[in-house]
Each structure stands twice: as structure tokens, then as C-alpha cells.
């Protein structure tokens, strides 16, 4: 057994009554050395297959995609800020328009009230004139009625007086006198 693989074991002894712990080794290398050697081989394979380059390339692609998304987000934010400014301006203009509308409405309301007062005064004046005209017409009608009644009363009184004071003979003498006055 000249080519025999040398295997060794290190035995550590603890104080009396303790457990024995044996650490294996192969080719003179302990477990930690074998793990380090396997990691070195694994890393060498990764480097030879250009895996780190692929990982870096993938990361670069992701970085580029993230940068593009950030740029798009900046553009969108700028647009949003622009829209916000536009709407703020529109709101300010709307508030100004509302204030001017309110002022215009107050002015129109004052003009309507003033016109209504003038119209009311004119209506009152017309109604007063109409009432005065009706009163004057009623007074004239009353005076005319009173005159007519006075004329009727005077006519009736004259008829009664004439009927009492004049007889047929007296009437004949008056008619004869009137005719004689006409002939001359």
C-alpha cells in the first residue's frame, strides 16, 4: 500500500468523564480547508463561465431600467406640477370671476331696487291723480245733479205758482198783450 491515502484524525481529550471529539482530516486538510478549497474552485468556475459579467450585465440592465423609470417619473412630476399650476390659476380666476359676478349682481340688484322705487312712486302719483280725477268728477256730477234737482224744483214751484196765480182769463189777457206788442 504504497499509494495509500493518508487519513489522519486528531483526538482531543477532555478532562475525566467528558466526551471525545474527533476532527476528521483528508490529505492532511481539515474540514475548514476543504470548504475553502471547494469555494475557491466554485468561484474559479464562476469566473471562467463569466457569471459575474452576466450578473453585472443584468444589474446594469436593471439600473438602466430604473433610471428610465426615474426619468419618466421626473417628466410625469413636471407635468403634474404644470397641471397643478394651471388648475391653481384656474381656481384663482374662478374666484375672481365669482367675486365680479357677485359685485355685478349687487349692482344690478341696486339698480332694480332704484327702478322699482321710481316705478312705485310713478304708480302712486298716477293713482293719486286718478283718485283726484274721480273725486273731481264725482263733485261735478254731484253739482250737476244738485243743479238739475234745483232746476226741477224751481220748475215745479214756478208751475205751481203760475197755476195758482193765473187763470184762463189772465192767460188770455197776457196772450192778447203779447200779440199786440208784436203787431206794433
C-alpha atoms as a PDB file:
ATOM      1  CA  UNK A   1       0.000   0.000   0.000  1.00  0.00           C
ATOM      2  CA  UNK A   2       2.368   2.460  -1.197  1.00  0.00           C
ATOM      3  CA  UNK A   3      -0.209   4.755  -2.723  1.00  0.00           C
ATOM      4  CA  UNK A   4      -2.461   4.689   0.173  1.00  0.00           C
ATOM      5  CA  UNK A   5      -4.320   7.785   1.002  1.00  0.00           C
ATOM      6  CA  UNK A   6      -3.229   9.065   4.248  1.00  0.00           C
ATOM      7  CA  UNK A   7      -6.040   9.696   6.611  1.00  0.00           C
ATOM      8  CA  UNK A   8      -5.399  11.119   9.969  1.00  0.00           C
ATOM      9  CA  UNK A   9      -7.547  12.019  12.870  1.00  0.00           C
ATOM     10  CA  UNK A  10      -6.861  14.320  15.701  1.00  0.00           C
ATOM     11  CA  UNK A  11      -8.281  13.289  19.009  1.00  0.00           C
ATOM     12  CA  UNK A  12      -8.729  15.740  21.724  1.00  0.00           C
ATOM     13  CA  UNK A  13      -9.102  14.582  25.257  1.00  0.00           C
ATOM     14  CA  UNK A  14     -11.110  16.384  27.773  1.00  0.00           C
ATOM     15  CA  UNK A  15     -10.995  16.133  31.458  1.00  0.00           C
ATOM     16  CA  UNK A  16     -12.123  12.927  33.053  1.00  0.00           C
ATOM     17  CA  UNK A  17     -15.670  11.904  32.308  1.00  0.00           C
ATOM     18  CA  UNK A  18     -16.020  14.124  29.207  1.00  0.00           C
ATOM     19  CA  UNK A  19     -16.907  13.160  25.688  1.00  0.00           C
ATOM     20  CA  UNK A  20     -14.369  12.501  22.988  1.00  0.00           C
ATOM     21  CA  UNK A  21     -14.470  14.733  19.921  1.00  0.00           C
ATOM     22  CA  UNK A  22     -12.702  13.574  16.806  1.00  0.00           C
ATOM     23  CA  UNK A  23     -11.990  16.012  13.948  1.00  0.00           C
ATOM     24  CA  UNK A  24     -11.556  14.223  10.604  1.00  0.00           C
ATOM     25  CA  UNK A  25      -8.986  15.214   8.005  1.00  0.00           C
ATOM     26  CA  UNK A  26      -8.203  14.029   4.485  1.00  0.00           C
ATOM     27  CA  UNK A  27      -4.935  14.515   2.621  1.00  0.00           C
ATOM     28  CA  UNK A  28      -3.805  16.496   5.610  1.00  0.00           C
ATOM     29  CA  UNK A  29      -6.534  19.065   5.202  1.00  0.00           C
ATOM     30  CA  UNK A  30      -9.172  19.708   7.806  1.00  0.00           C
ATOM     31  CA  UNK A  31     -12.853  20.456   7.137  1.00  0.00           C
ATOM     32  CA  UNK A  32     -12.294  24.229   7.038  1.00  0.00           C
ATOM     33  CA  UNK A  33      -9.543  23.830   4.442  1.00  0.00           C
ATOM     34  CA  UNK A  34     -11.761  21.594   2.302  1.00  0.00           C
ATOM     35  CA  UNK A  35     -14.613  24.164   2.451  1.00  0.00           C
ATOM     36  CA  UNK A  36     -12.177  26.935   1.473  1.00  0.00           C
ATOM     37  CA  UNK A  37     -10.753  24.825  -1.368  1.00  0.00           C
ATOM     38  CA  UNK A  38     -14.255  23.973  -2.676  1.00  0.00           C
ATOM     39  CA  UNK A  39     -15.276  27.657  -2.517  1.00  0.00           C
ATOM     40  CA  UNK A  40     -12.133  28.641  -4.443  1.00  0.00           C
ATOM     41  CA  UNK A  41     -12.919  26.045  -7.118  1.00  0.00           C
ATOM     42  CA  UNK A  42     -16.566  27.183  -7.259  1.00  0.00           C
ATOM     43  CA  UNK A  43     -15.513  30.807  -7.643  1.00  0.00           C
ATOM     44  CA  UNK A  44     -12.965  29.848 -10.326  1.00  0.00           C
ATOM     45  CA  UNK A  45     -15.696  28.039 -12.267  1.00  0.00           C
ATOM     46  CA  UNK A  46     -17.990  31.062 -11.935  1.00  0.00           C
ATOM     47  CA  UNK A  47     -15.262  33.382 -13.192  1.00  0.00           C
ATOM     48  CA  UNK A  48     -14.357  31.044 -16.076  1.00  0.00           C
ATOM     49  CA  UNK A  49     -18.007  30.855 -17.161  1.00  0.00           C
ATOM     50  CA  UNK A  50     -18.234  34.678 -16.970  1.00  0.00           C
ATOM     51  CA  UNK A  51     -21.086  34.557 -14.456  1.00  0.00           C
ATOM     52  CA  UNK A  52     -20.024  37.772 -12.698  1.00  0.00           C
ATOM     53  CA  UNK A  53     -20.169  39.583 -16.044  1.00  0.00           C
ATOM     54  CA  UNK A  54     -23.656  38.233 -16.645  1.00  0.00           C
ATOM     55  CA  UNK A  55     -24.700  39.289 -13.145  1.00  0.00           C
ATOM     56  CA  UNK A  56     -23.175  42.737 -13.643  1.00  0.00           C
ATOM     57  CA  UNK A  57     -24.832  42.987 -17.069  1.00  0.00           C
ATOM     58  CA  UNK A  58     -28.196  42.051 -15.558  1.00  0.00           C
ATOM     59  CA  UNK A  59     -27.687  44.568 -12.785  1.00  0.00           C
ATOM     60  CA  UNK A  60     -26.681  47.209 -15.357  1.00  0.00           C
ATOM     61  CA  UNK A  61     -29.886  46.490 -17.299  1.00  0.00           C
ATOM     62  CA  UNK A  62     -31.915  46.839 -14.131  1.00  0.00           C
ATOM     63  CA  UNK A  63     -30.085  50.068 -13.274  1.00  0.00           C
ATOM     64  CA  UNK A  64     -30.826  51.408 -16.769  1.00  0.00           C
ATOM     65  CA  UNK A  65     -34.492  50.399 -16.444  1.00  0.00           C
ATOM     66  CA  UNK A  66     -34.687  52.080 -13.039  1.00  0.00           C
ATOM     67  CA  UNK A  67     -33.032  55.220 -14.452  1.00  0.00           C
ATOM     68  CA  UNK A  68     -35.563  55.284 -17.287  1.00  0.00           C
ATOM     69  CA  UNK A  69     -38.389  54.895 -14.779  1.00  0.00           C
ATOM     70  CA  UNK A  70     -36.917  57.707 -12.675  1.00  0.00           C
ATOM     71  CA  UNK A  71     -36.629  59.933 -15.758  1.00  0.00           C
ATOM     72  CA  UNK A  72     -40.234  59.133 -16.688  1.00  0.00           C
ATOM     73  CA  UNK A  73     -41.272  59.854 -13.108  1.00  0.00           C
ATOM     74  CA  UNK A  74     -39.469  63.221 -13.267  1.00  0.00           C
ATOM     75  CA  UNK A  75     -41.250  64.051 -16.524  1.00  0.00           C
ATOM     76  CA  UNK A  76     -44.589  62.984 -15.048  1.00  0.00           C
ATOM     77  CA  UNK A  77     -43.914  65.014 -11.924  1.00  0.00           C
ATOM     78  CA  UNK A  78     -43.064  68.074 -14.025  1.00  0.00           C
ATOM     79  CA  UNK A  79     -46.309  67.601 -15.972  1.00  0.00           C
ATOM     80  CA  UNK A  80     -48.238  67.168 -12.724  1.00  0.00           C
ATOM     81  CA  UNK A  81     -46.689  70.351 -11.321  1.00  0.00           C
ATOM     82  CA  UNK A  82     -47.601  72.164 -14.527  1.00  0.00           C
ATOM     83  CA  UNK A  83     -51.195  70.896 -14.336  1.00  0.00           C
ATOM     84  CA  UNK A  84     -51.369  71.835 -10.656  1.00  0.00           C
ATOM     85  CA  UNK A  85     -50.181  75.341 -11.505  1.00  0.00           C
ATOM     86  CA  UNK A  86     -52.775  75.574 -14.310  1.00  0.00           C
ATOM     87  CA  UNK A  87     -55.579  74.454 -12.021  1.00  0.00           C
ATOM     88  CA  UNK A  88     -54.412  76.800  -9.290  1.00  0.00           C
ATOM     89  CA  UNK A  89     -54.539  79.639 -11.836  1.00  0.00           C
ATOM     90  CA  UNK A  90     -57.984  78.495 -12.994  1.00  0.00           C
ATOM     91  CA  UNK A  91     -59.201  78.401  -9.397  1.00  0.00           C
ATOM     92  CA  UNK A  92     -57.829  81.888  -8.792  1.00  0.00           C
ATOM     93  CA  UNK A  93     -59.528  83.123 -11.975  1.00  0.00           C
ATOM     94  CA  UNK A  94     -62.755  81.392 -10.978  1.00  0.00           C
ATOM     95  CA  UNK A  95     -62.641  83.096  -7.593  1.00  0.00           C
ATOM     96  CA  UNK A  96     -62.063  86.461  -9.294  1.00  0.00           C
ATOM     97  CA  UNK A  97     -64.918  85.757 -11.716  1.00  0.00           C
ATOM     98  CA  UNK A  98     -67.192  84.767  -8.847  1.00  0.00           C
ATOM     99  CA  UNK A  99     -66.314  87.949  -6.975  1.00  0.00           C
ATOM    100  CA  UNK A 100     -67.003  90.070 -10.059  1.00  0.00           C
ATOM    101  CA  UNK A 101     -70.290  88.219 -10.639  1.00  0.00           C
ATOM    102  CA  UNK A 102     -71.325  88.898  -7.058  1.00  0.00           C
ATOM    103  CA  UNK A 103     -70.406  92.569  -7.432  1.00  0.00           C
ATOM    104  CA  UNK A 104     -72.286  92.768 -10.746  1.00  0.00           C
ATOM    105  CA  UNK A 105     -75.323  91.098  -9.169  1.00  0.00           C
ATOM    106  CA  UNK A 106     -75.229  93.587  -6.276  1.00  0.00           C
ATOM    107  CA  UNK A 107     -75.052  96.478  -8.741  1.00  0.00           C
ATOM    108  CA  UNK A 108     -77.953  95.071 -10.778  1.00  0.00           C
ATOM    109  CA  UNK A 109     -79.974  94.465  -7.607  1.00  0.00           C
ATOM    110  CA  UNK A 110     -79.390  98.064  -6.501  1.00  0.00           C
ATOM    111  CA  UNK A 111     -80.442  99.311  -9.958  1.00  0.00           C
ATOM    112  CA  UNK A 112     -83.565  97.124  -9.877  1.00  0.00           C
ATOM    113  CA  UNK A 113     -84.462  98.406  -6.401  1.00  0.00           C
ATOM    114  CA  UNK A 114     -83.935 102.016  -7.517  1.00  0.00           C
ATOM    115  CA  UNK A 115     -86.058 101.444 -10.640  1.00  0.00           C
ATOM    116  CA  UNK A 116     -88.738  99.766  -8.546  1.00  0.00           C
ATOM    117  CA  UNK A 117     -88.785 102.750  -6.183  1.00  0.00           C
ATOM    118  CA  UNK A 118     -89.115 105.148  -9.118  1.00  0.00           C
ATOM    119  CA  UNK A 119     -91.819 102.983 -10.710  1.00  0.00           C
ATOM    120  CA  UNK A 120     -93.645 102.725  -7.386  1.00  0.00           C
ATOM    121  CA  UNK A 121     -93.535 106.482  -6.957  1.00  0.00           C
ATOM    122  CA  UNK A 122     -94.878 106.911 -10.504  1.00  0.00           C
ATOM    123  CA  UNK A 123     -97.671 104.388  -9.892  1.00  0.00           C
ATOM    124  CA  UNK A 124     -98.589 106.126  -6.631  1.00  0.00           C
ATOM    125  CA  UNK A 125     -98.639 109.512  -8.392  1.00  0.00           C
ATOM    126  CA  UNK A 126    -100.839 108.102 -11.197  1.00  0.00           C
ATOM    127  CA  UNK A 127    -103.205 106.506  -8.708  1.00  0.00           C
ATOM    128  CA  UNK A 128    -103.384 109.748  -6.707  1.00  0.00           C
ATOM    129  CA  UNK A 129    -104.152 111.656  -9.930  1.00  0.00           C
ATOM    130  CA  UNK A 130    -106.786 109.076 -10.869  1.00  0.00           C
ATOM    131  CA  UNK A 131    -108.316 109.333  -7.393  1.00  0.00           C
ATOM    132  CA  UNK A 132    -108.260 113.155  -7.613  1.00  0.00           C
ATOM    133  CA  UNK A 133    -109.871 112.975 -11.070  1.00  0.00           C
ATOM    134  CA  UNK A 134    -112.570 110.608  -9.784  1.00  0.00           C
ATOM    135  CA  UNK A 135    -113.218 112.886  -6.804  1.00  0.00           C
ATOM    136  CA  UNK A 136    -113.425 115.937  -9.106  1.00  0.00           C
ATOM    137  CA  UNK A 137    -115.747 114.049 -11.474  1.00  0.00           C
ATOM    138  CA  UNK A 138    -117.895 112.963  -8.536  1.00  0.00           C
ATOM    139  CA  UNK A 139    -118.005 116.574  -7.302  1.00  0.00           C
ATOM    140  CA  UNK A 140    -119.001 117.812 -10.774  1.00  0.00           C
ATOM    141  CA  UNK A 141    -121.613 115.074 -11.040  1.00  0.00           C
ATOM    142  CA  UNK A 142    -122.945 115.999  -7.594  1.00  0.00           C
ATOM    143  CA  UNK A 143    -123.040 119.705  -8.512  1.00  0.00           C
ATOM    144  CA  UNK A 144    -124.729 118.913 -11.857  1.00  0.00           C
ATOM    145  CA  UNK A 145    -127.194 116.627 -10.086  1.00  0.00           C
ATOM    146  CA  UNK A 146    -127.850 119.325  -7.487  1.00  0.00           C
ATOM    147  CA  UNK A 147    -128.404 121.906 -10.254  1.00  0.00           C
ATOM    148  CA  UNK A 148    -130.744 119.556 -12.079  1.00  0.00           C
ATOM    149  CA  UNK A 149    -132.735 118.939  -8.908  1.00  0.00           C
ATOM    150  CA  UNK A 150    -132.764 122.672  -8.167  1.00  0.00           C
ATOM    151  CA  UNK A 151    -133.953 123.362 -11.726  1.00  0.00           C
ATOM    152  CA  UNK A 152    -136.669 120.703 -11.384  1.00  0.00           C
ATOM    153  CA  UNK A 153    -137.718 122.125  -8.020  1.00  0.00           C
ATOM    154  CA  UNK A 154    -137.771 125.663  -9.444  1.00  0.00           C
ATOM    155  CA  UNK A 155    -139.759 124.477 -12.464  1.00  0.00           C
ATOM    156  CA  UNK A 156    -142.258 122.673 -10.274  1.00  0.00           C
ATOM    157  CA  UNK A 157    -142.554 125.700  -7.978  1.00  0.00           C
ATOM    158  CA  UNK A 158    -142.999 128.039 -10.956  1.00  0.00           C
ATOM    159  CA  UNK A 159    -145.639 125.756 -12.437  1.00  0.00           C
ATOM    160  CA  UNK A 160    -147.466 125.642  -9.126  1.00  0.00           C
ATOM    161  CA  UNK A 161    -147.248 129.445  -8.759  1.00  0.00           C
ATOM    162  CA  UNK A 162    -148.375 130.044 -12.291  1.00  0.00           C
ATOM    163  CA  UNK A 163    -151.186 127.581 -11.931  1.00  0.00           C
ATOM    164  CA  UNK A 164    -152.353 129.264  -8.703  1.00  0.00           C
ATOM    165  CA  UNK A 165    -151.947 132.849  -9.848  1.00  0.00           C
ATOM    166  CA  UNK A 166    -153.067 132.639 -13.453  1.00  0.00           C
ATOM    167  CA  UNK A 167    -156.400 131.647 -14.632  1.00  0.00           C
ATOM    168  CA  UNK A 168    -157.682 131.150 -18.169  1.00  0.00           C
ATOM    169  CA  UNK A 169    -158.803 134.791 -18.365  1.00  0.00           C
ATOM    170  CA  UNK A 170    -155.498 136.051 -17.144  1.00  0.00           C
ATOM    171  CA  UNK A 171    -153.749 133.866 -19.689  1.00  0.00           C
ATOM    172  CA  UNK A 172    -155.963 135.306 -22.461  1.00  0.00           C
ATOM    173  CA  UNK A 173    -155.089 138.837 -21.471  1.00  0.00           C
ATOM    174  CA  UNK A 174    -151.365 138.025 -21.447  1.00  0.00           C
ATOM    175  CA  UNK A 175    -151.542 136.355 -24.846  1.00  0.00           C
ATOM    176  CA  UNK A 176    -153.502 139.288 -26.292  1.00  0.00           C
ATOM    177  CA  UNK A 177    -150.953 141.748 -24.863  1.00  0.00           C
ATOM    178  CA  UNK A 178    -148.079 139.753 -26.314  1.00  0.00           C
ATOM    179  CA  UNK A 179    -149.716 139.645 -29.735  1.00  0.00           C
ATOM    180  CA  UNK A 180    -150.473 143.360 -29.658  1.00  0.00           C
ATOM    181  CA  UNK A 181    -146.856 144.030 -28.830  1.00  0.00           C
ATOM    182  CA  UNK A 182    -145.818 142.050 -31.858  1.00  0.00           C
ATOM    183  CA  UNK A 183    -148.075 143.821 -34.290  1.00  0.00           C
ATOM    184  CA  UNK A 184    -146.787 147.248 -33.413  1.00  0.00           C
END
